Amino acid sequence: TSGHSTNYADSVKGRFTISRDNAKNTVYLQMNSLKPEDTA
């Protein structure tokens, strides 16, 4: 809820970043270096 704790699957560590803006009621998932196996 605070954004201070995050966790990632091993397959996306170093490529994806989760963040949140509670004032905007929004959570983001920034996905970089995408691979075909990320298709879903």
PDB file of all heavy atoms in Angstrom:
ATOM      1  N   THR A   1       0.814  -1.214   0.000  1.00  0.00           N
ATOM      2  CA  THR A   1       0.000   0.000   0.000  1.00  0.00           C
ATOM      3  C   THR A   1       0.847   1.265   0.000  1.00  0.00           C
ATOM      4  O   THR A   1       0.515   2.247  -0.658  1.00  0.00           O
ATOM      5  CB  THR A   1      -0.942   0.023   1.209  1.00  0.00           C
ATOM      6  OG1 THR A   1      -0.162  -0.128   2.403  1.00  0.00           O
ATOM      7  CG2 THR A   1      -1.969  -1.089   1.140  1.00  0.00           C
ATOM      8  N   SER A   2       1.954   1.246   0.721  1.00  0.00           N
ATOM      9  CA  SER A   2       2.816   2.431   0.794  1.00  0.00           C
ATOM     10  C   SER A   2       3.749   2.552  -0.408  1.00  0.00           C
ATOM     11  O   SER A   2       4.304   3.620  -0.659  1.00  0.00           O
ATOM     12  CB  SER A   2       3.661   2.363   2.069  1.00  0.00           C
ATOM     13  OG  SER A   2       4.576   1.287   1.980  1.00  0.00           O
ATOM     14  N   GLY A   3       3.942   1.441  -1.096  1.00  0.00           N
ATOM     15  CA  GLY A   3       4.911   1.417  -2.195  1.00  0.00           C
ATOM     16  C   GLY A   3       6.312   1.071  -1.751  1.00  0.00           C
ATOM     17  O   GLY A   3       7.214   0.919  -2.584  1.00  0.00           O
ATOM     18  N   HIS A   4       6.513   0.901  -0.435  1.00  0.00           N
ATOM     19  CA  HIS A   4       7.865   0.633   0.069  1.00  0.00           C
ATOM     20  C   HIS A   4       8.296  -0.810  -0.146  1.00  0.00           C
ATOM     21  O   HIS A   4       9.499  -1.102  -0.151  1.00  0.00           O
ATOM     22  CB  HIS A   4       7.939   0.984   1.561  1.00  0.00           C
ATOM     23  CG  HIS A   4       7.807   2.448   1.819  1.00  0.00           C
ATOM     24  ND1 HIS A   4       7.374   2.963   3.021  1.00  0.00           N
ATOM     25  CD2 HIS A   4       8.038   3.518   1.023  1.00  0.00           C
ATOM     26  CE1 HIS A   4       7.362   4.287   2.960  1.00  0.00           C
ATOM     27  NE2 HIS A   4       7.756   4.647   1.750  1.00  0.00           N
ATOM     28  N   SER A   5       7.343  -1.707  -0.297  1.00  0.00           N
ATOM     29  CA  SER A   5       7.678  -3.115  -0.530  1.00  0.00           C
ATOM     30  C   SER A   5       7.211  -3.531  -1.907  1.00  0.00           C
ATOM     31  O   SER A   5       6.058  -3.279  -2.285  1.00  0.00           O
ATOM     32  CB  SER A   5       7.004  -4.003   0.521  1.00  0.00           C
ATOM     33  OG  SER A   5       7.495  -3.719   1.803  1.00  0.00           O
ATOM     34  N   THR A   6       8.122  -4.145  -2.650  1.00  0.00           N
ATOM     35  CA  THR A   6       7.789  -4.660  -3.974  1.00  0.00           C
ATOM     36  C   THR A   6       8.378  -6.055  -4.141  1.00  0.00           C
ATOM     37  O   THR A   6       9.285  -6.455  -3.397  1.00  0.00           O
ATOM     38  CB  THR A   6       8.344  -3.754  -5.095  1.00  0.00           C
ATOM     39  OG1 THR A   6       9.769  -3.673  -4.975  1.00  0.00           O
ATOM     40  CG2 THR A   6       7.744  -2.359  -5.036  1.00  0.00           C
ATOM     41  N   ASN A   7       7.865  -6.766  -5.101  1.00  0.00           N
ATOM     42  CA  ASN A   7       8.358  -8.106  -5.384  1.00  0.00           C
ATOM     43  C   ASN A   7       8.196  -8.351  -6.888  1.00  0.00           C
ATOM     44  O   ASN A   7       7.257  -7.820  -7.505  1.00  0.00           O
ATOM     45  CB  ASN A   7       7.573  -9.143  -4.579  1.00  0.00           C
ATOM     46  CG  ASN A   7       8.310 -10.447  -4.424  1.00  0.00           C
ATOM     47  OD1 ASN A   7       9.340 -10.675  -5.048  1.00  0.00           O
ATOM     48  ND2 ASN A   7       7.797 -11.329  -3.568  1.00  0.00           N
ATOM     49  N   TYR A   8       9.104  -9.131  -7.445  1.00  0.00           N
ATOM     50  CA  TYR A   8       9.079  -9.400  -8.877  1.00  0.00           C
ATOM     51  C   TYR A   8       9.331 -10.882  -9.135  1.00  0.00           C
ATOM     52  O   TYR A   8      10.112 -11.525  -8.422  1.00  0.00           O
ATOM     53  CB  TYR A   8      10.174  -8.601  -9.604  1.00  0.00           C
ATOM     54  CG  TYR A   8      10.006  -7.113  -9.541  1.00  0.00           C
ATOM     55  CD1 TYR A   8      10.598  -6.365  -8.527  1.00  0.00           C
ATOM     56  CD2 TYR A   8       9.249  -6.441 -10.492  1.00  0.00           C
ATOM     57  CE1 TYR A   8      10.433  -4.995  -8.455  1.00  0.00           C
ATOM     58  CE2 TYR A   8       9.086  -5.059 -10.438  1.00  0.00           C
ATOM     59  CZ  TYR A   8       9.685  -4.344  -9.416  1.00  0.00           C
ATOM     60  OH  TYR A   8       9.521  -2.983  -9.357  1.00  0.00           O
ATOM     61  N   ALA A   9       8.706 -11.384 -10.175  1.00  0.00           N
ATOM     62  CA  ALA A   9       9.052 -12.718 -10.647  1.00  0.00           C
ATOM     63  C   ALA A   9      10.481 -12.693 -11.180  1.00  0.00           C
ATOM     64  O   ALA A   9      10.930 -11.683 -11.732  1.00  0.00           O
ATOM     65  CB  ALA A   9       8.086 -13.142 -11.749  1.00  0.00           C
ATOM     66  N   ASP A  10      11.176 -13.804 -11.023  1.00  0.00           N
ATOM     67  CA  ASP A  10      12.560 -13.871 -11.501  1.00  0.00           C
ATOM     68  C   ASP A  10      12.668 -13.548 -12.993  1.00  0.00           C
ATOM     69  O   ASP A  10      13.647 -12.953 -13.440  1.00  0.00           O
ATOM     70  CB  ASP A  10      13.142 -15.254 -11.230  1.00  0.00           C
ATOM     71  CG  ASP A  10      13.418 -15.502  -9.757  1.00  0.00           C
ATOM     72  OD1 ASP A  10      13.489 -14.516  -8.987  1.00  0.00           O
ATOM     73  OD2 ASP A  10      13.572 -16.675  -9.370  1.00  0.00           O
ATOM     74  N   SER A  11      11.654 -13.942 -13.739  1.00  0.00           N
ATOM     75  CA  SER A  11      11.692 -13.769 -15.186  1.00  0.00           C
ATOM     76  C   SER A  11      11.624 -12.313 -15.621  1.00  0.00           C
ATOM     77  O   SER A  11      11.930 -11.997 -16.774  1.00  0.00           O
ATOM     78  CB  SER A  11      10.552 -14.547 -15.834  1.00  0.00           C
ATOM     79  OG  SER A  11       9.306 -14.099 -15.334  1.00  0.00           O
ATOM     80  N   VAL A  12      11.215 -11.409 -14.726  1.00  0.00           N
ATOM     81  CA  VAL A  12      11.081  -9.998 -15.112  1.00  0.00           C
ATOM     82  C   VAL A  12      11.989  -9.072 -14.318  1.00  0.00           C
ATOM     83  O   VAL A  12      12.028  -7.872 -14.590  1.00  0.00           O
ATOM     84  CB  VAL A  12       9.623  -9.519 -14.990  1.00  0.00           C
ATOM     85  CG1 VAL A  12       8.682 -10.452 -15.759  1.00  0.00           C
ATOM     86  CG2 VAL A  12       9.181  -9.377 -13.544  1.00  0.00           C
ATOM     87  N   LYS A  13      12.700  -9.601 -13.348  1.00  0.00           N
ATOM     88  CA  LYS A  13      13.589  -8.765 -12.541  1.00  0.00           C
ATOM     89  C   LYS A  13      14.606  -8.052 -13.411  1.00  0.00           C
ATOM     90  O   LYS A  13      15.197  -8.646 -14.302  1.00  0.00           O
ATOM     91  CB  LYS A  13      14.307  -9.621 -11.499  1.00  0.00           C
ATOM     92  CG  LYS A  13      13.482  -9.940 -10.282  1.00  0.00           C
ATOM     93  CD  LYS A  13      14.267 -10.784  -9.278  1.00  0.00           C
ATOM     94  CE  LYS A  13      13.416 -11.132  -8.080  1.00  0.00           C
ATOM     95  NZ  LYS A  13      14.120 -12.031  -7.137  1.00  0.00           N
ATOM     96  N   GLY A  14      14.785  -6.766 -13.136  1.00  0.00           N
ATOM     97  CA  GLY A  14      15.721  -5.964 -13.912  1.00  0.00           C
ATOM     98  C   GLY A  14      15.129  -5.399 -15.188  1.00  0.00           C
ATOM     99  O   GLY A  14      15.745  -4.538 -15.829  1.00  0.00           O
ATOM    100  N   ARG A  15      13.943  -5.871 -15.573  1.00  0.00           N
ATOM    101  CA  ARG A  15      13.297  -5.367 -16.793  1.00  0.00           C
ATOM    102  C   ARG A  15      11.995  -4.635 -16.486  1.00  0.00           C
ATOM    103  O   ARG A  15      11.654  -3.676 -17.187  1.00  0.00           O
ATOM    104  CB  ARG A  15      13.006  -6.532 -17.743  1.00  0.00           C
ATOM    105  CG  ARG A  15      14.236  -7.297 -18.192  1.00  0.00           C
ATOM    106  CD  ARG A  15      13.896  -8.305 -19.279  1.00  0.00           C
ATOM    107  NE  ARG A  15      12.952  -9.334 -18.836  1.00  0.00           N
ATOM    108  CZ  ARG A  15      11.780  -9.559 -19.443  1.00  0.00           C
ATOM    109  NH1 ARG A  15      11.408  -8.840 -20.481  1.00  0.00           N
ATOM    110  NH2 ARG A  15      10.988 -10.522 -18.995  1.00  0.00           N
ATOM    111  N   PHE A  16      11.267  -5.085 -15.500  1.00  0.00           N
ATOM    112  CA  PHE A  16       9.973  -4.488 -15.145  1.00  0.00           C
ATOM    113  C   PHE A  16      10.110  -3.702 -13.843  1.00  0.00           C
ATOM    114  O   PHE A  16      10.863  -4.095 -12.948  1.00  0.00           O
ATOM    115  CB  PHE A  16       8.919  -5.570 -14.947  1.00  0.00           C
ATOM    116  CG  PHE A  16       8.483  -6.282 -16.199  1.00  0.00           C
ATOM    117  CD1 PHE A  16       9.158  -6.155 -17.400  1.00  0.00           C
ATOM    118  CD2 PHE A  16       7.374  -7.129 -16.165  1.00  0.00           C
ATOM    119  CE1 PHE A  16       8.749  -6.824 -18.541  1.00  0.00           C
ATOM    120  CE2 PHE A  16       6.953  -7.804 -17.292  1.00  0.00           C
ATOM    121  CZ  PHE A  16       7.644  -7.654 -18.482  1.00  0.00           C
ATOM    122  N   THR A  17       9.334  -2.626 -13.746  1.00  0.00           N
ATOM    123  CA  THR A  17       9.299  -1.827 -12.532  1.00  0.00           C
ATOM    124  C   THR A  17       7.856  -1.495 -12.180  1.00  0.00           C
ATOM    125  O   THR A  17       7.118  -0.968 -13.017  1.00  0.00           O
ATOM    126  CB  THR A  17      10.082  -0.517 -12.690  1.00  0.00           C
ATOM    127  OG1 THR A  17      11.432  -0.809 -13.061  1.00  0.00           O
ATOM    128  CG2 THR A  17      10.087   0.271 -11.389  1.00  0.00           C
ATOM    129  N   ILE A  18       7.474  -1.808 -10.956  1.00  0.00           N
ATOM    130  CA  ILE A  18       6.134  -1.485 -10.481  1.00  0.00           C
ATOM    131  C   ILE A  18       6.206  -0.226  -9.637  1.00  0.00           C
ATOM    132  O   ILE A  18       7.168  -0.001  -8.899  1.00  0.00           O
ATOM    133  CB  ILE A  18       5.527  -2.672  -9.682  1.00  0.00           C
ATOM    134  CG1 ILE A  18       4.041  -2.472  -9.443  1.00  0.00           C
ATOM    135  CG2 ILE A  18       6.286  -2.905  -8.382  1.00  0.00           C
ATOM    136  CD1 ILE A  18       3.340  -3.714  -8.878  1.00  0.00           C
ATOM    137  N   SER A  19       5.179   0.612  -9.753  1.00  0.00           N
ATOM    138  CA  SER A  19       5.119   1.834  -8.959  1.00  0.00           C
ATOM    139  C   SER A  19       3.658   2.203  -8.767  1.00  0.00           C
ATOM    140  O   SER A  19       2.772   1.653  -9.425  1.00  0.00           O
ATOM    141  CB  SER A  19       5.876   2.974  -9.648  1.00  0.00           C
ATOM    142  OG  SER A  19       5.295   3.294 -10.900  1.00  0.00           O
ATOM    143  N   ARG A  20       3.420   3.131  -7.862  1.00  0.00           N
ATOM    144  CA  ARG A  20       2.033   3.545  -7.632  1.00  0.00           C
ATOM    145  C   ARG A  20       1.975   5.026  -7.315  1.00  0.00           C
ATOM    146  O   ARG A  20       2.909   5.594  -6.751  1.00  0.00           O
ATOM    147  CB  ARG A  20       1.409   2.729  -6.499  1.00  0.00           C
ATOM    148  CG  ARG A  20       2.000   2.916  -5.129  1.00  0.00           C
ATOM    149  CD  ARG A  20       1.436   1.856  -4.161  1.00  0.00           C
ATOM    150  NE  ARG A  20       0.005   2.021  -3.976  1.00  0.00           N
ATOM    151  CZ  ARG A  20      -0.811   1.023  -3.598  1.00  0.00           C
ATOM    152  NH1 ARG A  20      -0.338  -0.197  -3.402  1.00  0.00           N
ATOM    153  NH2 ARG A  20      -2.102   1.247  -3.430  1.00  0.00           N
ATOM    154  N   ASP A  21       0.857   5.618  -7.696  1.00  0.00           N
ATOM    155  CA  ASP A  21       0.545   7.011  -7.376  1.00  0.00           C
ATOM    156  C   ASP A  21      -0.827   6.994  -6.727  1.00  0.00           C
ATOM    157  O   ASP A  21      -1.850   7.002  -7.424  1.00  0.00           O
ATOM    158  CB  ASP A  21       0.569   7.863  -8.646  1.00  0.00           C
ATOM    159  CG  ASP A  21       0.385   9.345  -8.353  1.00  0.00           C
ATOM    160  OD1 ASP A  21      -0.141   9.677  -7.278  1.00  0.00           O
ATOM    161  OD2 ASP A  21       0.752  10.168  -9.194  1.00  0.00           O
ATOM    162  N   ASN A  22      -0.848   6.946  -5.399  1.00  0.00           N
ATOM    163  CA  ASN A  22      -2.127   6.831  -4.701  1.00  0.00           C
ATOM    164  C   ASN A  22      -3.013   8.054  -4.934  1.00  0.00           C
ATOM    165  O   ASN A  22      -4.244   7.936  -4.923  1.00  0.00           O
ATOM    166  CB  ASN A  22      -1.897   6.605  -3.214  1.00  0.00           C
ATOM    167  CG  ASN A  22      -1.408   5.199  -2.902  1.00  0.00           C
ATOM    168  OD1 ASN A  22      -1.606   4.273  -3.687  1.00  0.00           O
ATOM    169  ND2 ASN A  22      -0.752   5.024  -1.769  1.00  0.00           N
ATOM    170  N   ALA A  23      -2.416   9.206  -5.146  1.00  0.00           N
ATOM    171  CA  ALA A  23      -3.212  10.409  -5.409  1.00  0.00           C
ATOM    172  C   ALA A  23      -3.982  10.291  -6.719  1.00  0.00           C
ATOM    173  O   ALA A  23      -5.049  10.898  -6.877  1.00  0.00           O
ATOM    174  CB  ALA A  23      -2.307  11.633  -5.436  1.00  0.00           C
ATOM    175  N   LYS A  24      -3.427   9.525  -7.653  1.00  0.00           N
ATOM    176  CA  LYS A  24      -4.091   9.315  -8.943  1.00  0.00           C
ATOM    177  C   LYS A  24      -4.819   7.982  -9.005  1.00  0.00           C
ATOM    178  O   LYS A  24      -5.319   7.590 -10.061  1.00  0.00           O
ATOM    179  CB  LYS A  24      -3.067   9.394 -10.074  1.00  0.00           C
ATOM    180  CG  LYS A  24      -2.441  10.770 -10.248  1.00  0.00           C
ATOM    181  CD  LYS A  24      -1.493  10.799 -11.430  1.00  0.00           C
ATOM    182  CE  LYS A  24      -0.909  12.194 -11.629  1.00  0.00           C
ATOM    183  NZ  LYS A  24       0.031  12.243 -12.785  1.00  0.00           N
ATOM    184  N   ASN A  25      -4.823   7.255  -7.874  1.00  0.00           N
ATOM    185  CA  ASN A  25      -5.487   5.939  -7.824  1.00  0.00           C
ATOM    186  C   ASN A  25      -4.984   5.009  -8.917  1.00  0.00           C
ATOM    187  O   ASN A  25      -5.757   4.248  -9.507  1.00  0.00           O
ATOM    188  CB  ASN A  25      -7.009   6.091  -7.938  1.00  0.00           C
ATOM    189  CG  ASN A  25      -7.664   6.390  -6.605  1.00  0.00           C
ATOM    190  OD1 ASN A  25      -7.085   6.169  -5.544  1.00  0.00           O
ATOM    191  ND2 ASN A  25      -8.866   6.901  -6.653  1.00  0.00           N
ATOM    192  N   THR A  26      -3.689   5.052  -9.164  1.00  0.00           N
ATOM    193  CA  THR A  26      -3.120   4.305 -10.282  1.00  0.00           C
ATOM    194  C   THR A  26      -1.839   3.573  -9.874  1.00  0.00           C
ATOM    195  O   THR A  26      -1.011   4.128  -9.141  1.00  0.00           O
ATOM    196  CB  THR A  26      -2.806   5.247 -11.460  1.00  0.00           C
ATOM    197  OG1 THR A  26      -3.995   5.942 -11.842  1.00  0.00           O
ATOM    198  CG2 THR A  26      -2.290   4.470 -12.656  1.00  0.00           C
ATOM    199  N   VAL A  27      -1.727   2.355 -10.360  1.00  0.00           N
ATOM    200  CA  VAL A  27      -0.504   1.572 -10.248  1.00  0.00           C
ATOM    201  C   VAL A  27       0.019   1.334 -11.659  1.00  0.00           C
ATOM    202  O   VAL A  27      -0.756   1.077 -12.579  1.00  0.00           O
ATOM    203  CB  VAL A  27      -0.761   0.238  -9.527  1.00  0.00           C
ATOM    204  CG1 VAL A  27       0.463  -0.661  -9.579  1.00  0.00           C
ATOM    205  CG2 VAL A  27      -1.159   0.491  -8.077  1.00  0.00           C
ATOM    206  N   TYR A  28       1.321   1.412 -11.798  1.00  0.00           N
ATOM    207  CA  TYR A  28       1.955   1.271 -13.104  1.00  0.00           C
ATOM    208  C   TYR A  28       2.863   0.035 -13.136  1.00  0.00           C
ATOM    209  O   TYR A  28       3.419  -0.375 -12.124  1.00  0.00           O
ATOM    210  CB  TYR A  28       2.796   2.501 -13.424  1.00  0.00           C
ATOM    211  CG  TYR A  28       2.050   3.805 -13.371  1.00  0.00           C
ATOM    212  CD1 TYR A  28       2.097   4.618 -12.245  1.00  0.00           C
ATOM    213  CD2 TYR A  28       1.271   4.216 -14.444  1.00  0.00           C
ATOM    214  CE1 TYR A  28       1.402   5.811 -12.186  1.00  0.00           C
ATOM    215  CE2 TYR A  28       0.570   5.417 -14.406  1.00  0.00           C
ATOM    216  CZ  TYR A  28       0.639   6.206 -13.266  1.00  0.00           C
ATOM    217  OH  TYR A  28      -0.055   7.383 -13.226  1.00  0.00           O
ATOM    218  N   LEU A  29       3.018  -0.498 -14.326  1.00  0.00           N
ATOM    219  CA  LEU A  29       4.012  -1.534 -14.558  1.00  0.00           C
ATOM    220  C   LEU A  29       4.799  -1.127 -15.795  1.00  0.00           C
ATOM    221  O   LEU A  29       4.282  -1.201 -16.918  1.00  0.00           O
ATOM    222  CB  LEU A  29       3.371  -2.901 -14.753  1.00  0.00           C
ATOM    223  CG  LEU A  29       4.355  -4.063 -14.872  1.00  0.00           C
ATOM    224  CD1 LEU A  29       5.063  -4.303 -13.528  1.00  0.00           C
ATOM    225  CD2 LEU A  29       3.651  -5.345 -15.317  1.00  0.00           C
ATOM    226  N   GLN A  30       6.010  -0.626 -15.570  1.00  0.00           N
ATOM    227  CA  GLN A  30       6.890  -0.266 -16.672  1.00  0.00           C
ATOM    228  C   GLN A  30       7.623  -1.524 -17.125  1.00  0.00           C
ATOM    229  O   GLN A  30       8.314  -2.157 -16.323  1.00  0.00           O
ATOM    230  CB  GLN A  30       7.889   0.803 -16.234  1.00  0.00           C
ATOM    231  CG  GLN A  30       8.882   1.209 -17.299  1.00  0.00           C
ATOM    232  CD  GLN A  30       8.228   1.936 -18.470  1.00  0.00           C
ATOM    233  OE1 GLN A  30       7.401   2.810 -18.263  1.00  0.00           O
ATOM    234  NE2 GLN A  30       8.617   1.560 -19.685  1.00  0.00           N
ATOM    235  N   MET A  31       7.484  -1.844 -18.388  1.00  0.00           N
ATOM    236  CA  MET A  31       8.066  -3.068 -18.930  1.00  0.00           C
ATOM    237  C   MET A  31       9.064  -2.701 -20.020  1.00  0.00           C
ATOM    238  O   MET A  31       8.678  -2.136 -21.054  1.00  0.00           O
ATOM    239  CB  MET A  31       6.969  -3.976 -19.497  1.00  0.00           C
ATOM    240  CG  MET A  31       5.858  -4.277 -18.503  1.00  0.00           C
ATOM    241  SD  MET A  31       4.701  -5.513 -19.095  1.00  0.00           S
ATOM    242  CE  MET A  31       4.028  -4.689 -20.511  1.00  0.00           C
ATOM    243  N   ASN A  32      10.314  -2.999 -19.771  1.00  0.00           N
ATOM    244  CA  ASN A  32      11.384  -2.720 -20.722  1.00  0.00           C
ATOM    245  C   ASN A  32      12.000  -4.020 -21.214  1.00  0.00           C
ATOM    246  O   ASN A  32      11.806  -5.078 -20.618  1.00  0.00           O
ATOM    247  CB  ASN A  32      12.462  -1.853 -20.069  1.00  0.00           C
ATOM    248  CG  ASN A  32      11.945  -0.505 -19.612  1.00  0.00           C
ATOM    249  OD1 ASN A  32      11.036   0.068 -20.211  1.00  0.00           O
ATOM    250  ND2 ASN A  32      12.524   0.022 -18.543  1.00  0.00           N
ATOM    251  N   SER A  33      12.746  -3.911 -22.299  1.00  0.00           N
ATOM    252  CA  SER A  33      13.445  -5.075 -22.870  1.00  0.00           C
ATOM    253  C   SER A  33      12.503  -6.261 -23.020  1.00  0.00           C
ATOM    254  O   SER A  33      12.813  -7.386 -22.627  1.00  0.00           O
ATOM    255  CB  SER A  33      14.639  -5.455 -21.985  1.00  0.00           C
ATOM    256  OG  SER A  33      15.536  -4.379 -21.846  1.00  0.00           O
ATOM    257  N   LEU A  34      11.361  -6.005 -23.590  1.00  0.00           N
ATOM    258  CA  LEU A  34      10.332  -7.042 -23.696  1.00  0.00           C
ATOM    259  C   LEU A  34      10.782  -8.181 -24.599  1.00  0.00           C
ATOM    260  O   LEU A  34      11.498  -7.979 -25.593  1.00  0.00           O
ATOM    261  CB  LEU A  34       9.029  -6.426 -24.194  1.00  0.00           C
ATOM    262  CG  LEU A  34       8.251  -5.665 -23.118  1.00  0.00           C
ATOM    263  CD1 LEU A  34       7.244  -4.718 -23.740  1.00  0.00           C
ATOM    264  CD2 LEU A  34       7.562  -6.636 -22.181  1.00  0.00           C
ATOM    265  N   LYS A  35      10.332  -9.373 -24.240  1.00  0.00           N
ATOM    266  CA  LYS A  35      10.667 -10.599 -24.955  1.00  0.00           C
ATOM    267  C   LYS A  35       9.391 -11.260 -25.448  1.00  0.00           C
ATOM    268  O   LYS A  35       8.316 -11.058 -24.859  1.00  0.00           O
ATOM    269  CB  LYS A  35      11.398 -11.556 -24.025  1.00  0.00           C
ATOM    270  CG  LYS A  35      12.640 -10.978 -23.370  1.00  0.00           C
ATOM    271  CD  LYS A  35      13.229 -11.972 -22.373  1.00  0.00           C
ATOM    272  CE  LYS A  35      14.466 -11.400 -21.687  1.00  0.00           C
ATOM    273  NZ  LYS A  35      15.036 -12.363 -20.706  1.00  0.00           N
ATOM    274  N   PRO A  36       9.473 -12.085 -26.476  1.00  0.00           N
ATOM    275  CA  PRO A  36       8.266 -12.792 -26.940  1.00  0.00           C
ATOM    276  C   PRO A  36       7.589 -13.590 -25.828  1.00  0.00           C
ATOM    277  O   PRO A  36       6.354 -13.688 -25.818  1.00  0.00           O
ATOM    278  CB  PRO A  36       8.821 -13.703 -28.037  1.00  0.00           C
ATOM    279  CG  PRO A  36       9.996 -12.966 -28.569  1.00  0.00           C
ATOM    280  CD  PRO A  36      10.614 -12.307 -27.365  1.00  0.00           C
ATOM    281  N   GLU A  37       8.352 -14.110 -24.895  1.00  0.00           N
ATOM    282  CA  GLU A  37       7.754 -14.887 -23.808  1.00  0.00           C
ATOM    283  C   GLU A  37       7.004 -14.030 -22.795  1.00  0.00           C
ATOM    284  O   GLU A  37       6.364 -14.563 -21.879  1.00  0.00           O
ATOM    285  CB  GLU A  37       8.820 -15.725 -23.087  1.00  0.00           C
ATOM    286  CG  GLU A  37      10.053 -14.958 -22.656  1.00  0.00           C
ATOM    287  CD  GLU A  37      11.196 -15.075 -23.653  1.00  0.00           C
ATOM    288  OE1 GLU A  37      10.941 -14.974 -24.879  1.00  0.00           O
ATOM    289  OE2 GLU A  37      12.343 -15.253 -23.194  1.00  0.00           O
ATOM    290  N   ASP A  38       7.065 -12.708 -22.937  1.00  0.00           N
ATOM    291  CA  ASP A  38       6.246 -11.823 -22.098  1.00  0.00           C
ATOM    292  C   ASP A  38       4.825 -11.671 -22.651  1.00  0.00           C
ATOM    293  O   ASP A  38       3.979 -11.046 -22.013  1.00  0.00           O
ATOM    294  CB  ASP A  38       6.882 -10.431 -22.002  1.00  0.00           C
ATOM    295  CG  ASP A  38       8.212 -10.442 -21.280  1.00  0.00           C
ATOM    296  OD1 ASP A  38       8.318 -11.127 -20.240  1.00  0.00           O
ATOM    297  OD2 ASP A  38       9.152  -9.760 -21.758  1.00  0.00           O
ATOM    298  N   THR A  39       4.575 -12.224 -23.828  1.00  0.00           N
ATOM    299  CA  THR A  39       3.249 -12.149 -24.431  1.00  0.00           C
ATOM    300  C   THR A  39       2.222 -12.840 -23.543  1.00  0.00           C
ATOM    301  O   THR A  39       2.381 -14.006 -23.180  1.00  0.00           O
ATOM    302  CB  THR A  39       3.262 -12.798 -25.828  1.00  0.00           C
ATOM    303  OG1 THR A  39       4.122 -12.034 -26.682  1.00  0.00           O
ATOM    304  CG2 THR A  39       1.858 -12.847 -26.409  1.00  0.00           C
ATOM    305  N   ALA A  40       1.189 -12.096 -23.188  1.00  0.00           N
ATOM    306  CA  ALA A  40       0.157 -12.616 -22.288  1.00  0.00           C
ATOM    307  C   ALA A  40      -0.910 -11.551 -22.091  1.00  0.00           C
ATOM    308  O   ALA A  40      -0.735 -10.400 -22.500  1.00  0.00           O
ATOM    309  CB  ALA A  40       0.758 -12.993 -20.936  1.00  0.00           C
TER     310      ALA A  40
END
